[in-house]
Structure formats: structure tokens, C-alpha cells
Amino acid sequence: MDHYTHSLRIDEEKCNGHMKCMRVCPTQAIRVRNGKAIIKEEKCIDCGECITACPTGAIVPLTDPFGELSKFRHTVALSSPALYAQFGREIMPSKILAGLKKLGFDDSFDLAITCGEASLALHTYLEESSGPQPIISNACPTVVRLLQVRYPSLIEHITPLEIPRELAAREIKKKKSKQYGLKEKEIGIFYITPCPAKMIAIKQPAEKSRSYLDGAISISDIYGPLLYAMENVEKDRYHETMEGMCILGISWAVEGGICRSLEMRNSISVSGISETMKVFDDIERGRLQHIDFVEAHSCPHGCVGGSLTVENLYTSYNKILKLIETLEIEQVSVCADYAKVIKRYQENYFFKARKLKPRPIKPFGQDLAVAIRKRKEKDSIYADLPQIDCGACGSPTCLTFAEDVVTGEAKLSDCILKQIPTAGTGKKMKVNEIRKHLHLKKLTAYDHPDMDVTGGYTSDLLSDVIAHSNAGNLWITLQTHQNIIAVAKLKDLAGIIIVNNREPDEETIKKAETEKVMLMGCKERAFQISAKLFNLIDSKD
């Protein structure tokens, strides 16, 4: 299997298996095993949805630190147009570019200029293209990887033109090398990125062996230092003017911006992974053959909605629109030289050197006979599962769980609705019997009376437990303070199960032993252990 680099990692110390990341992943690349999230690298498309969803910040984006600049003799900051939306309306791109140089870059470059040139080249390509319709934009690397993994049949629909950041980096290296007499490898070009996916497009490009860019620094990392640097930029170091700003290129920061720059009526734009997948589903079904061009972004509202930005999404989106509107009012000329772009287009300057290849997932290997046998086994297992896609097993759906069982990544007993036989109608189970079945950890040394269990009650609100639990219930909670012992004693509960590997303090344990309350612990979340307990006992509640 090919090895794939990714733009994020999981901090196991912070991860507590919430499963939110697993549920939002569009390619079902995340599993939760032993209470920790893991990523199936061949399925991950680096969309960053898991970063946003994780409530504990356990999924960390990987970008380059400032220290990487010291590896090069000359450094250039290549600014995404989305960076301009992170500051107040009074701060023009020219001041932001000057601030980047103040931070330590030898030079800074406005990517919007190259985006404007790319718009004209793309317009020319669409006018003469005779390939399958519609043509799909390739500006978002997550969208490209999504097509490779989930929609390999649509690869031929992706525009073959090079992306602006690679065009700009290639041109900058060539010019700076000639200007300073340096080798191209001595010139470091760093992209100021709004999302982690751009990092992977640099470290492991989808269609070529290496990128012209040397790294990526997140907007969130650079924002504070850049804000400070701009306060100390002398006014003679930049011009508070709109001249030289590219209307066509700045619009690339937001959804619909590329379509706007193309001035094509027969085009559509879409943002957000789920909405993008709906559009791609329609393309696969042949419903959008009348459309010429589809602009697709994985982040909501385009690059301004990237997970590594700092400004409110709607504020930044509005700032880009207002900036474009102001440029139009001021009648700033279109930045790109049309004649120059056409000449370069005819010389294949804008085209990629290699074709993009699909990256379909083959979970059962390359051997056709083995794959067929395993697929039948998967279908058989799936047919016997509850098919409710609860995710408690640690796989996102019952179908992916069946696949994980076949590949040996999970056991059938991981399904909480199948693993434990019920005790039988009318038969009450004892506390210790349940403790052994559910592998609960005994937290008290006292040998408690083995009470009959009448049912279970799951709640973290003490007043709720007092009002609604019944005698003989096992109480499932994440609370660890002494008051839980008082409530259990008051309601004559059979015991307390503390979830998420949480440890009560010594005072709570001593109180439990004094009051003869069975105190137990488990690694599972409340949802999981509740389901296990429900399937184990005959509940009378």
C-alpha cells in the first residue's frame, strides 16, 4: 500500500474517544479503538473537519514553524488572499505584505496577482475544452483528494491547469535565483495558509513528485506576530493605495470568487464537504452535464472558512466582498495582462506536467479472488448487525464495522448490541455478576453485599437521580465527588459506575466504604456502558 502524508496528528493524552471526529469524517477515515481515535491514512483527505469537531483539541494541525526559515538563504512569504480578511477593513494588503517582511521574510508576494492570471487562463481553457462536462476546479486540495478517493470516475473532470500558488512559487524561484545568483533550492517560499490541506499539497502533491513551495505557516500561528509587526511598519515602507491590487485574484478567497472572475453564467459554486459531495453525486449520475464549470471548496464559504483562520467566518467573507466592491467603485484596472496570459497559455505555461491519478480504496487487497471472498464475508456480517450506525463499536457505520472485522481491525464482540447475552426474562442479576460481565473496576476495598440489580440510571445531575432513579438501580455517571455517595445511599442504589476512566478522590472512596456503597469504574463513555448494561439485564424500569 502507498504511504500518504497527512496534515494532522492525534494527541493521545488529550483524546478521550468522544467520537465526534469519527462522525464528521466524510471518507470514514477515523476509528476509535481502546478509547482513542486513530486515522486510516489511505482514506484521509485532510479536510480538517475533525479538527473543528474535536471538543478537546486532541487533533492538531501540522504546519511549519518559523524556525524553518533559517534553512534558506532567501525567504519569501506567499500570502493567501484569505489572509487579507483577517484584519480590519482599514488595513490594506500592502500593509500586510510589509508586515510579513518585518517578521523576518526577505520578501513577500501577493498570490492574488497570480490568481488573476490563472482566472484568465482558466477562462480560455473552458472556452476551448471538449472534454467531459462539467470541469471541476482544483484550487482546493481537499476537493482533489476527495475526488481521488471517493469519486475516481470524475478525475477526468478536474481542470489540468496548475494551481496559482505553484505557478507563483515557480516564477518567484526563477526570478530570485537570477536576481541574487542563488540556487533555487536556497530560496525558501512559504505559503501563509488558511487550512492544513495546503500543507499536504506541498509535502505530498497529488500529481507530481515535489512542490515549488517549501512549507506552509498557518494564519492562526502568524496572526499575533503579524498584527504586532504591522504596528511598527513605517509608512514609507508601503503604500496605502489600491493600485496594483488584483480584483480577479482577491475573489479566490471566497466561495463563488472563481466563478465571478470567469464571468461565466453557466457555472456553479459550492462549499462545505457535505454539500460538495451532493454536487459530485449529481455529476456521477449525469445530472449536471449542462453545467460548464463547478467551483468547489471543502471549507464553508471558501478559504476564509479554513480551520486555521482566526476571524469570524461571516466577518471575513464580508470583508472580501467589500474589498472587491471598493476596488470596482475605485475602477481599479484588472491586474492581469491578458495578452501576456494568452501567450503563456499557448506555450503551456499554465498546464500541469503530469496527469492526476485516482486513489480508490481497495480494503481487501489487489487479489481479486480474495477480495470477492472477503466482500461476501463482509456482507454476511453486515446482514447480521443491527444496522443502526450508532458508532459505539468505534467504527462510523455498521458497514464499515463489518469491513473492519473482515480485515482484522475489529472483533465482532465490539458491537455492544451483540457481544453480551441477556440474563433471561424475569431473572435479576447480582452486582458482582454484572461487574464481571462488563469488566468493571472495583474502586472500593470493602466486600459489599451482592445486591440484586433492578435496572440502570444514567445522569450527571444529582437532583435528577434523586427524582427518577429506583432502588436497586446501578447509577452511571462521570461525577466523582462525595455527594454521589449520599445520593446512592438515599435512593438505596445497587452501586455507582464512574465512566471515562475518571478516578474519585480518597475522600469519596472512604465515604463509599463507610456507607457500604459499591463504587466501580470503567473506561467506556456513559453511552457505551449504558447500552452494555441495558443488554445485560432485564430492566424493570
Protein backbone atom coordinates (compact mmCIF):
# COMPACT_ATOMS: atom_id res chain seq x y z
CA MET A 1 0.00 0.00 0.00
CA ASP A 2 1.23 3.53 -0.78
CA HIS A 3 2.22 5.73 2.14
CA TYR A 4 0.31 9.00 2.50
CA THR A 5 1.47 12.05 4.42
CA HIS A 6 -1.14 13.96 6.40
CA SER A 7 -1.51 17.43 7.86
CA LEU A 8 -2.69 16.45 11.32
CA ARG A 9 -1.89 14.22 14.25
CA ILE A 10 -3.80 12.95 17.26
CA ASP A 11 -2.59 13.90 20.72
CA GLU A 12 -3.42 10.71 22.63
CA GLU A 13 -3.14 12.43 26.01
CA LYS A 14 -5.95 14.83 25.07
CA CYS A 15 -8.07 12.31 23.17
CA ASN A 16 -10.85 10.71 25.22
CA GLY A 17 -12.74 8.97 22.44
CA HIS A 18 -15.65 11.40 22.07
CA MET A 19 -16.27 10.04 18.54
CA LYS A 20 -17.32 13.44 17.18
CA CYS A 21 -14.36 13.36 14.80
CA MET A 22 -15.39 9.90 13.58
CA ARG A 23 -18.93 11.03 12.86
CA VAL A 24 -18.00 14.11 10.79
CA CYS A 25 -15.29 12.47 8.65
CA PRO A 26 -16.59 12.46 5.03
CA THR A 27 -14.45 9.50 3.95
CA GLN A 28 -14.94 7.39 7.11
CA ALA A 29 -11.21 7.52 7.79
CA ILE A 30 -11.42 7.67 11.60
CA ARG A 31 -11.91 4.84 14.07
CA VAL A 32 -11.97 4.85 17.87
CA ARG A 33 -10.12 1.93 19.41
CA ASN A 34 -9.44 1.49 23.12
CA GLY A 35 -10.85 4.93 23.79
CA LYS A 36 -8.52 6.71 21.33
CA ALA A 37 -9.12 7.99 17.81
CA ILE A 38 -6.95 6.61 15.01
CA ILE A 39 -6.77 7.70 11.37
CA LYS A 40 -6.73 5.31 8.41
CA GLU A 41 -4.17 7.18 6.32
CA GLU A 42 -5.25 5.77 2.97
CA LYS A 43 -8.76 7.21 3.45
CA CYS A 44 -7.93 10.61 4.96
CA ILE A 45 -8.24 13.60 2.62
CA ASP A 46 -7.02 16.23 5.13
CA CYS A 47 -10.26 18.21 5.08
CA GLY A 48 -9.83 19.38 8.69
CA GLU A 49 -13.44 18.58 9.65
CA CYS A 50 -12.15 16.52 12.59
CA ILE A 51 -10.01 19.42 13.85
CA THR A 52 -13.06 21.64 14.09
CA ALA A 53 -15.27 18.91 15.62
CA CYS A 54 -12.89 17.70 18.34
CA PRO A 55 -14.07 19.17 21.69
CA THR A 56 -10.76 18.57 23.48
CA GLY A 57 -8.36 19.90 20.82
CA ALA A 58 -6.75 16.47 20.52
CA ILE A 59 -6.45 16.69 16.71
CA VAL A 60 -3.57 19.01 15.95
CA PRO A 61 -2.84 20.56 12.53
CA LEU A 62 0.74 20.22 11.35
CA THR A 63 2.30 23.28 9.72
CA ASP A 64 5.86 24.60 9.57
CA PRO A 65 7.35 26.61 12.45
CA PHE A 66 9.15 29.93 11.85
CA GLY A 67 12.43 28.15 12.52
CA GLU A 68 12.25 26.56 9.07
CA LEU A 69 13.14 29.93 7.52
CA SER A 70 16.74 29.62 8.76
CA LYS A 71 17.35 26.72 6.37
CA PHE A 72 17.30 29.07 3.37
CA ARG A 73 19.48 31.98 2.23
CA HIS A 74 16.48 33.92 0.91
CA THR A 75 12.88 33.56 2.10
CA VAL A 76 9.61 34.67 0.57
CA ALA A 77 6.15 34.76 2.15
CA LEU A 78 3.40 33.87 -0.34
CA SER A 79 0.19 35.27 1.03
CA SER A 80 -3.20 33.63 0.51
CA PRO A 81 -5.92 36.19 -0.31
CA ALA A 82 -7.77 34.81 2.73
CA LEU A 83 -5.13 36.47 4.95
CA TYR A 84 -6.42 39.91 3.99
CA ALA A 85 -9.81 39.09 5.51
CA GLN A 86 -8.36 38.50 8.99
CA PHE A 87 -7.76 42.17 9.79
CA GLY A 88 -9.86 45.34 9.96
CA ARG A 89 -11.16 46.95 6.80
CA GLU A 90 -8.74 49.85 7.17
CA ILE A 91 -5.72 47.54 6.77
CA MET A 92 -4.85 47.17 3.10
CA PRO A 93 -2.99 44.14 1.64
CA SER A 94 0.07 46.32 1.03
CA LYS A 95 0.48 46.88 4.79
CA ILE A 96 0.01 43.17 5.49
CA LEU A 97 2.72 42.30 2.95
CA ALA A 98 5.04 44.87 4.54
CA GLY A 99 4.31 43.35 7.95
CA LEU A 100 5.35 39.91 6.70
CA LYS A 101 8.75 41.32 5.72
CA LYS A 102 9.03 42.90 9.15
CA LEU A 103 8.55 39.43 10.67
CA GLY A 104 11.75 38.19 9.05
CA PHE A 105 10.88 37.21 5.48
CA ASP A 106 13.23 38.72 2.91
CA ASP A 107 10.31 39.34 0.59
CA SER A 108 6.54 38.90 0.38
CA PHE A 109 4.30 38.28 -2.60
CA ASP A 110 0.58 38.74 -3.17
CA LEU A 111 -0.84 35.48 -4.52
CA ALA A 112 -3.94 37.33 -5.73
CA ILE A 113 -1.93 38.57 -8.70
CA THR A 114 -1.24 35.02 -9.90
CA CYS A 115 -4.84 34.02 -9.12
CA GLY A 116 -5.96 36.74 -11.53
CA GLU A 117 -3.72 35.35 -14.26
CA ALA A 118 -4.99 31.84 -13.55
CA SER A 119 -8.57 33.07 -13.94
CA LEU A 120 -7.88 34.32 -17.46
CA ALA A 121 -6.08 31.08 -18.36
CA LEU A 122 -8.96 29.01 -16.96
CA HIS A 123 -11.48 31.07 -18.94
CA THR A 124 -9.52 30.36 -22.11
CA TYR A 125 -9.35 26.63 -21.32
CA LEU A 126 -13.10 26.41 -20.66
CA GLU A 127 -13.87 28.10 -23.97
CA GLU A 128 -11.89 25.56 -25.97
CA SER A 129 -12.35 22.43 -23.84
CA SER A 130 -14.08 19.46 -25.46
CA GLY A 131 -13.72 17.11 -22.50
CA PRO A 132 -16.39 15.81 -20.11
CA GLN A 133 -18.71 18.35 -18.54
CA PRO A 134 -18.61 20.00 -16.11
CA ILE A 135 -14.98 20.97 -15.48
CA ILE A 136 -14.19 20.93 -11.72
CA SER A 137 -11.83 23.42 -10.07
CA ASN A 138 -8.63 22.13 -8.47
CA ALA A 139 -7.83 25.09 -6.20
CA CYS A 140 -8.85 23.19 -3.04
CA PRO A 141 -6.50 20.24 -2.35
CA THR A 142 -9.11 18.57 -0.14
CA VAL A 143 -11.58 18.54 -3.03
CA VAL A 144 -8.92 16.99 -5.27
CA ARG A 145 -8.21 14.24 -2.73
CA LEU A 146 -11.93 13.68 -2.21
CA LEU A 147 -12.29 13.09 -5.93
CA GLN A 148 -9.31 10.73 -5.95
CA VAL A 149 -10.65 8.66 -3.05
CA ARG A 150 -14.46 8.78 -3.29
CA TYR A 151 -15.10 9.80 -6.91
CA PRO A 152 -12.26 8.35 -9.04
CA SER A 153 -14.56 8.29 -12.08
CA LEU A 154 -14.60 12.11 -12.01
CA ILE A 155 -10.82 12.59 -12.22
CA GLU A 156 -11.10 13.49 -15.93
CA HIS A 157 -13.38 16.38 -14.98
CA ILE A 158 -10.67 18.20 -12.98
CA THR A 159 -9.03 21.13 -14.74
CA PRO A 160 -5.48 20.25 -15.92
CA LEU A 161 -4.20 23.77 -15.18
CA GLU A 162 -1.64 24.34 -12.44
CA ILE A 163 -2.85 25.95 -9.20
CA PRO A 164 -1.87 29.62 -8.60
CA ARG A 165 0.36 29.02 -5.56
CA GLU A 166 2.52 26.59 -7.53
CA LEU A 167 2.67 28.93 -10.54
CA ALA A 168 3.71 31.82 -8.28
CA ALA A 169 6.34 29.78 -6.40
CA ARG A 170 7.84 28.52 -9.67
CA GLU A 171 8.10 32.05 -11.06
CA ILE A 172 9.47 33.53 -7.82
CA LYS A 173 12.21 30.91 -7.58
CA LYS A 174 13.25 31.53 -11.15
CA LYS A 175 13.37 35.32 -10.75
CA LYS A 176 15.04 35.40 -7.32
CA SER A 177 17.61 32.85 -8.42
CA LYS A 178 18.61 35.06 -11.33
CA GLN A 179 18.41 38.27 -9.25
CA TYR A 180 20.60 37.10 -6.36
CA GLY A 181 22.72 34.44 -8.04
CA LEU A 182 21.33 31.73 -5.79
CA LYS A 183 20.36 28.14 -6.49
CA GLU A 184 16.62 27.60 -6.47
CA LYS A 185 16.92 25.20 -3.53
CA GLU A 186 18.47 28.05 -1.49
CA ILE A 187 15.29 30.10 -1.86
CA GLY A 188 12.55 29.17 0.59
CA ILE A 189 8.97 30.02 -0.29
CA PHE A 190 6.40 29.67 2.48
CA TYR A 191 2.66 29.76 1.92
CA ILE A 192 0.58 31.56 4.56
CA THR A 193 -2.24 29.05 4.70
CA PRO A 194 -5.85 29.16 5.94
CA CYS A 195 -6.12 25.35 6.21
CA PRO A 196 -3.93 22.28 6.86
CA ALA A 197 -4.76 20.69 3.49
CA LYS A 198 -2.45 23.17 1.72
CA MET A 199 0.41 21.78 3.80
CA ILE A 200 -0.11 18.31 2.37
CA ALA A 201 -0.42 19.71 -1.15
CA ILE A 202 3.13 20.96 -0.56
CA LYS A 203 4.62 17.94 1.23
CA GLN A 204 2.92 15.34 -0.99
CA PRO A 205 1.44 16.89 -4.17
CA ALA A 206 -1.30 14.83 -5.79
CA GLU A 207 0.15 14.87 -9.30
CA LYS A 208 3.91 15.45 -9.07
CA SER A 209 6.99 14.41 -7.13
CA ARG A 210 7.69 17.78 -5.48
CA SER A 211 6.21 21.21 -4.90
CA TYR A 212 7.86 24.53 -5.71
CA LEU A 213 6.78 25.65 -2.25
CA ASP A 214 8.98 24.76 0.72
CA GLY A 215 6.49 24.95 3.55
CA ALA A 216 3.31 26.41 4.97
CA ILE A 217 2.70 28.57 8.04
CA SER A 218 -0.83 28.79 9.38
CA ILE A 219 -2.66 32.09 9.52
CA SER A 220 -3.53 31.36 13.17
CA ASP A 221 0.18 30.97 14.05
CA ILE A 222 1.30 34.12 12.25
CA TYR A 223 -1.67 36.35 13.13
CA GLY A 224 -0.46 37.66 16.52
CA PRO A 225 3.15 38.38 15.48
CA LEU A 226 1.95 39.90 12.20
CA LEU A 227 -0.51 42.20 13.97
CA TYR A 228 2.31 43.47 16.17
CA ALA A 229 4.69 43.81 13.22
CA MET A 230 2.20 45.93 11.26
CA GLU A 231 2.01 48.40 14.15
CA ASN A 232 5.73 49.00 13.71
CA VAL A 233 5.83 49.25 9.93
CA GLU A 234 6.93 52.71 8.82
CA LYS A 235 4.52 54.33 6.40
CA ASP A 236 7.26 54.84 3.84
CA ARG A 237 7.69 51.06 3.66
CA TYR A 238 4.32 50.56 1.97
CA HIS A 239 1.70 52.48 0.02
CA GLU A 240 -1.84 52.86 1.34
CA THR A 241 -3.20 52.55 -2.15
CA MET A 242 -5.35 50.15 -4.12
CA GLU A 243 -3.23 50.39 -7.23
CA GLY A 244 -1.74 47.04 -8.14
CA MET A 245 -4.38 45.06 -6.27
CA CYS A 246 -5.99 42.30 -8.30
CA ILE A 247 -9.78 42.19 -8.27
CA LEU A 248 -9.86 38.83 -10.05
CA GLY A 249 -7.41 37.22 -7.63
CA ILE A 250 -8.74 38.54 -4.31
CA SER A 251 -12.11 36.94 -5.10
CA TRP A 252 -10.48 33.48 -4.96
CA ALA A 253 -10.63 33.71 -1.14
CA VAL A 254 -14.40 33.16 -1.06
CA GLU A 255 -16.91 30.72 -2.49
CA GLY A 256 -18.09 31.92 -5.89
CA GLY A 257 -14.97 34.02 -6.37
CA ILE A 258 -13.52 31.93 -9.18
CA CYS A 259 -16.86 31.85 -10.99
CA ARG A 260 -17.08 35.62 -10.52
CA SER A 261 -13.64 36.14 -12.03
CA LEU A 262 -14.56 33.95 -15.02
CA GLU A 263 -17.76 35.90 -15.67
CA MET A 264 -19.43 32.69 -16.77
CA ARG A 265 -23.17 32.34 -16.35
CA ASN A 266 -23.21 28.58 -16.81
CA SER A 267 -21.22 27.74 -13.69
CA ILE A 268 -21.97 26.87 -10.07
CA SER A 269 -20.06 27.19 -6.81
CA VAL A 270 -20.35 25.04 -3.70
CA SER A 271 -18.64 24.95 -0.30
CA GLY A 272 -18.57 22.58 2.66
CA ILE A 273 -17.74 18.89 2.37
CA SER A 274 -21.31 17.56 2.65
CA GLU A 275 -22.70 19.98 0.04
CA THR A 276 -19.74 19.37 -2.26
CA MET A 277 -20.36 15.62 -2.11
CA LYS A 278 -24.01 16.16 -3.09
CA VAL A 279 -22.86 18.03 -6.20
CA PHE A 280 -20.34 15.31 -7.06
CA ASP A 281 -23.04 12.67 -6.60
CA ASP A 282 -25.15 14.54 -9.16
CA ILE A 283 -22.22 14.75 -11.58
CA GLU A 284 -21.70 10.99 -11.29
CA ARG A 285 -25.36 10.44 -12.08
CA GLY A 286 -25.06 12.63 -15.18
CA ARG A 287 -27.38 15.36 -13.89
CA LEU A 288 -25.02 18.32 -14.40
CA GLN A 289 -23.79 17.78 -17.95
CA HIS A 290 -25.33 21.13 -18.94
CA ILE A 291 -23.01 22.98 -16.50
CA ASP A 292 -19.63 24.18 -17.80
CA PHE A 293 -17.73 24.69 -14.55
CA VAL A 294 -18.02 23.75 -10.87
CA GLU A 295 -16.07 25.70 -8.26
CA ALA A 296 -15.79 23.54 -5.13
CA HIS A 297 -14.38 24.30 -1.67
CA SER A 298 -14.22 21.95 1.32
CA CYS A 299 -14.32 24.84 3.81
CA PRO A 300 -17.58 26.75 4.36
CA HIS A 301 -17.70 29.92 2.21
CA GLY A 302 -14.30 29.10 0.74
CA CYS A 303 -10.78 29.66 2.08
CA VAL A 304 -11.95 32.34 4.53
CA GLY A 305 -13.67 29.48 6.38
CA GLY A 306 -10.47 27.44 6.80
CA SER A 307 -9.78 25.81 10.15
CA LEU A 308 -6.51 27.77 10.57
CA THR A 309 -8.04 31.24 10.24
CA VAL A 310 -8.82 33.48 13.22
CA GLU A 311 -11.53 35.92 12.13
CA ASN A 312 -15.23 35.10 12.28
CA LEU A 313 -16.22 33.36 9.04
CA TYR A 314 -19.00 35.76 8.13
CA THR A 315 -16.98 38.84 9.02
CA SER A 316 -14.05 37.75 6.86
CA TYR A 317 -16.33 36.70 3.99
CA ASN A 318 -18.00 40.11 4.09
CA LYS A 319 -14.64 41.92 4.18
CA ILE A 320 -13.52 40.26 0.94
CA LEU A 321 -16.80 41.20 -0.75
CA LYS A 322 -16.50 44.81 0.47
CA LEU A 323 -12.89 44.98 -0.70
CA ILE A 324 -13.90 43.79 -4.17
CA GLU A 325 -16.79 46.26 -4.19
CA THR A 326 -14.44 49.11 -3.26
CA LEU A 327 -11.98 48.17 -5.99
CA GLU A 328 -14.81 48.21 -8.51
CA ILE A 329 -16.03 51.62 -7.31
CA GLU A 330 -12.49 52.98 -7.50
CA GLN A 331 -12.30 51.49 -11.02
CA VAL A 332 -9.01 49.74 -10.31
CA SER A 333 -7.98 48.03 -13.54
CA VAL A 334 -7.92 44.25 -13.87
CA CYS A 335 -4.42 43.24 -12.80
CA ALA A 336 -3.54 40.51 -15.29
CA ASP A 337 -2.09 41.36 -18.69
CA TYR A 338 -4.46 39.46 -20.97
CA ALA A 339 -2.09 39.36 -23.97
CA LYS A 340 0.73 38.06 -21.77
CA VAL A 341 -1.53 35.40 -20.24
CA ILE A 342 -2.71 34.18 -23.66
CA LYS A 343 0.88 33.97 -24.92
CA ARG A 344 1.88 31.93 -21.88
CA TYR A 345 -1.22 29.78 -22.20
CA GLN A 346 -0.27 28.88 -25.76
CA GLU A 347 3.21 27.94 -24.51
CA ASN A 348 1.62 25.53 -21.96
CA TYR A 349 2.90 27.68 -19.10
CA PHE A 350 -0.28 27.12 -17.08
CA PHE A 351 -0.63 23.37 -17.59
CA LYS A 352 0.41 20.66 -15.14
CA ALA A 353 3.31 18.45 -16.16
CA ARG A 354 1.54 15.22 -15.11
CA LYS A 355 -2.00 13.91 -15.07
CA LEU A 356 -3.82 13.39 -11.83
CA LYS A 357 -4.41 9.75 -10.90
CA PRO A 358 -7.31 8.25 -8.91
CA ARG A 359 -6.69 6.87 -5.44
CA PRO A 360 -9.58 4.41 -4.93
CA ILE A 361 -9.63 2.41 -1.72
CA LYS A 362 -9.25 -1.36 -2.03
CA PRO A 363 -9.76 -2.57 1.54
CA PHE A 364 -9.39 -6.25 0.69
CA GLY A 365 -6.18 -6.04 -1.36
CA GLN A 366 -5.29 -6.50 -5.01
CA ASP A 367 -6.04 -10.23 -5.29
CA LEU A 368 -9.47 -10.38 -6.97
CA ALA A 369 -10.44 -13.84 -5.67
CA VAL A 370 -9.51 -12.93 -2.08
CA ALA A 371 -11.30 -9.59 -2.37
CA ILE A 372 -14.52 -11.27 -3.60
CA ARG A 373 -14.41 -13.79 -0.74
CA LYS A 374 -13.84 -11.07 1.84
CA ARG A 375 -16.58 -8.88 0.38
CA LYS A 376 -19.05 -11.76 0.73
CA GLU A 377 -17.89 -12.23 4.31
CA LYS A 378 -18.40 -8.52 4.97
CA ASP A 379 -21.92 -8.62 3.50
CA SER A 380 -22.76 -11.64 5.65
CA ILE A 381 -21.55 -9.94 8.83
CA TYR A 382 -23.36 -6.71 7.94
CA ALA A 383 -26.65 -8.56 7.39
CA ASP A 384 -26.44 -9.87 10.96
CA LEU A 385 -25.70 -6.47 12.52
CA PRO A 386 -28.40 -4.14 13.93
CA GLN A 387 -27.68 -1.60 11.09
CA ILE A 388 -28.42 1.45 13.25
CA ASP A 389 -24.96 3.05 12.77
CA CYS A 390 -24.67 4.03 16.44
CA GLY A 391 -20.84 4.12 16.27
CA ALA A 392 -20.42 2.68 19.77
CA CYS A 393 -18.17 -0.06 18.35
CA GLY A 394 -15.64 2.58 17.29
CA SER A 395 -16.44 2.37 13.57
CA PRO A 396 -18.55 5.08 11.91
CA THR A 397 -21.21 2.74 10.49
CA CYS A 398 -22.26 -0.89 10.71
CA LEU A 399 -20.98 -1.39 7.16
CA THR A 400 -17.51 -0.06 7.98
CA PHE A 401 -17.54 -2.13 11.18
CA ALA A 402 -18.21 -5.28 9.12
CA GLU A 403 -15.28 -4.33 6.89
CA ASP A 404 -13.05 -3.75 9.93
CA VAL A 405 -13.97 -7.20 11.30
CA VAL A 406 -13.03 -8.85 8.00
CA THR A 407 -9.69 -7.00 7.85
CA GLY A 408 -8.93 -7.92 11.46
CA GLU A 409 -9.06 -4.33 12.74
CA ALA A 410 -12.08 -5.06 14.97
CA LYS A 411 -13.80 -8.00 16.63
CA LEU A 412 -17.46 -8.92 16.25
CA SER A 413 -17.76 -8.69 20.03
CA ASP A 414 -17.01 -4.94 19.76
CA CYS A 415 -20.64 -4.46 18.74
CA ILE A 416 -22.31 -3.69 22.07
CA LEU A 417 -25.67 -4.92 20.82
CA LYS A 418 -24.29 -8.39 20.06
CA GLN A 419 -21.50 -9.06 22.46
CA ILE A 420 -23.39 -9.84 25.70
CA PRO A 421 -26.25 -12.32 26.04
CA THR A 422 -29.20 -11.19 28.16
CA ALA A 423 -29.75 -12.80 31.53
CA GLY A 424 -33.16 -14.21 30.69
CA THR A 425 -36.68 -12.99 31.33
CA GLY A 426 -37.55 -12.45 34.96
CA LYS A 427 -34.07 -13.15 36.29
CA LYS A 428 -32.36 -10.40 38.28
CA MET A 429 -28.59 -10.21 38.13
CA LYS A 430 -26.28 -9.51 41.03
CA VAL A 431 -23.91 -6.54 41.18
CA ASN A 432 -20.76 -8.69 41.11
CA GLU A 433 -22.11 -10.75 38.22
CA ILE A 434 -22.61 -7.55 36.21
CA ARG A 435 -19.19 -6.25 37.27
CA LYS A 436 -17.51 -9.34 35.86
CA HIS A 437 -19.54 -9.32 32.62
CA LEU A 438 -18.80 -5.65 31.95
CA HIS A 439 -15.18 -5.80 33.16
CA LEU A 440 -15.78 -3.03 35.68
CA LYS A 441 -13.00 -1.95 38.02
CA LYS A 442 -13.84 -2.20 41.71
CA LEU A 443 -12.84 1.11 43.32
CA THR A 444 -13.59 0.21 46.95
CA ALA A 445 -11.85 -2.41 49.07
CA TYR A 446 -14.96 -3.18 51.12
CA ASP A 447 -16.68 -6.50 50.30
CA HIS A 448 -20.19 -5.18 49.67
CA PRO A 449 -23.41 -7.22 49.89
CA ASP A 450 -24.20 -8.67 46.45
CA MET A 451 -27.46 -6.83 45.77
CA ASP A 452 -30.00 -7.62 43.07
CA VAL A 453 -29.87 -5.07 40.23
CA THR A 454 -33.27 -3.81 39.12
CA GLY A 455 -32.06 -1.62 36.27
CA GLY A 456 -29.82 1.31 35.49
CA TYR A 457 -29.99 5.09 35.52
CA THR A 458 -27.63 7.39 33.60
CA SER A 459 -27.35 11.01 34.67
CA ASP A 460 -24.80 13.52 35.97
CA LEU A 461 -27.40 15.72 37.66
CA LEU A 462 -27.87 14.68 41.30
CA SER A 463 -31.35 16.17 41.60
CA ASP A 464 -32.41 14.17 38.55
CA VAL A 465 -31.11 10.93 40.07
CA ILE A 466 -32.91 11.66 43.34
CA ALA A 467 -36.17 12.35 41.48
CA HIS A 468 -36.19 9.49 38.97
CA SER A 469 -33.88 6.58 39.88
CA ASN A 470 -35.26 3.48 41.61
CA ALA A 471 -33.96 1.31 44.43
CA GLY A 472 -31.58 -1.34 43.16
CA ASN A 473 -30.52 0.69 40.09
CA LEU A 474 -26.91 0.96 39.01
CA TRP A 475 -26.14 4.67 38.61
CA ILE A 476 -23.89 5.59 35.64
CA THR A 477 -22.18 8.98 35.94
CA LEU A 478 -18.97 10.94 35.40
CA GLN A 479 -19.29 12.67 38.79
CA THR A 480 -16.61 11.72 41.34
CA HIS A 481 -17.30 13.96 44.38
CA GLN A 482 -18.56 12.77 47.78
CA ASN A 483 -22.17 13.83 47.22
CA ILE A 484 -22.74 10.91 44.84
CA ILE A 485 -22.33 8.53 47.81
CA ALA A 486 -25.01 10.38 49.75
CA VAL A 487 -27.42 10.18 46.82
CA ALA A 488 -26.74 6.45 46.29
CA LYS A 489 -27.38 5.79 49.98
CA LEU A 490 -30.54 7.92 49.98
CA LYS A 491 -32.01 6.08 46.94
CA ASP A 492 -30.73 2.64 48.02
CA LEU A 493 -28.93 2.18 44.70
CA ALA A 494 -27.10 -1.08 43.95
CA GLY A 495 -23.92 0.79 43.09
CA ILE A 496 -22.26 3.56 41.08
CA ILE A 497 -20.36 3.19 37.80
CA ILE A 498 -17.97 6.09 37.06
CA VAL A 499 -17.20 6.43 33.34
CA ASN A 500 -14.28 7.64 31.17
CA ASN A 501 -11.60 6.21 33.48
CA ARG A 502 -12.30 9.05 35.92
CA GLU A 503 -10.84 8.47 39.39
CA PRO A 504 -12.67 9.55 42.58
CA ASP A 505 -10.53 11.12 45.30
CA GLU A 506 -9.68 9.32 48.53
CA GLU A 507 -12.44 11.08 50.48
CA THR A 508 -15.09 9.78 48.08
CA ILE A 509 -13.73 6.22 48.28
CA LYS A 510 -13.62 6.36 52.10
CA LYS A 511 -17.18 7.68 52.15
CA ALA A 512 -18.32 4.83 49.88
CA GLU A 513 -16.71 2.22 52.15
CA THR A 514 -18.22 3.80 55.27
CA GLU A 515 -21.71 3.92 53.73
CA LYS A 516 -21.29 0.47 52.12
CA VAL A 517 -21.90 1.76 48.58
CA MET A 518 -20.41 -0.26 45.71
CA LEU A 519 -18.19 2.08 43.65
CA MET A 520 -16.97 0.86 40.24
CA GLY A 521 -15.18 2.40 37.24
CA CYS A 522 -14.92 1.79 33.52
CA LYS A 523 -13.05 3.16 30.50
CA GLU A 524 -16.21 3.47 28.37
CA ARG A 525 -18.28 6.59 27.89
CA ALA A 526 -21.71 6.79 29.53
CA PHE A 527 -23.44 5.99 26.24
CA GLN A 528 -21.44 2.81 25.72
CA ILE A 529 -21.68 1.39 29.22
CA SER A 530 -25.40 2.23 29.38
CA ALA A 531 -26.00 0.23 26.20
CA LYS A 532 -24.00 -2.69 27.56
CA LEU A 533 -25.87 -2.66 30.85
CA PHE A 534 -29.23 -2.44 29.07
CA ASN A 535 -28.44 -5.53 27.02
CA LEU A 536 -27.16 -7.43 30.02
CA ILE A 537 -30.02 -7.13 32.47
CA ASP A 538 -33.79 -7.41 32.46
CA SER A 539 -34.74 -3.81 33.16
CA LYS A 540 -37.98 -3.31 35.09
CA ASP A 541 -37.93 0.49 34.68
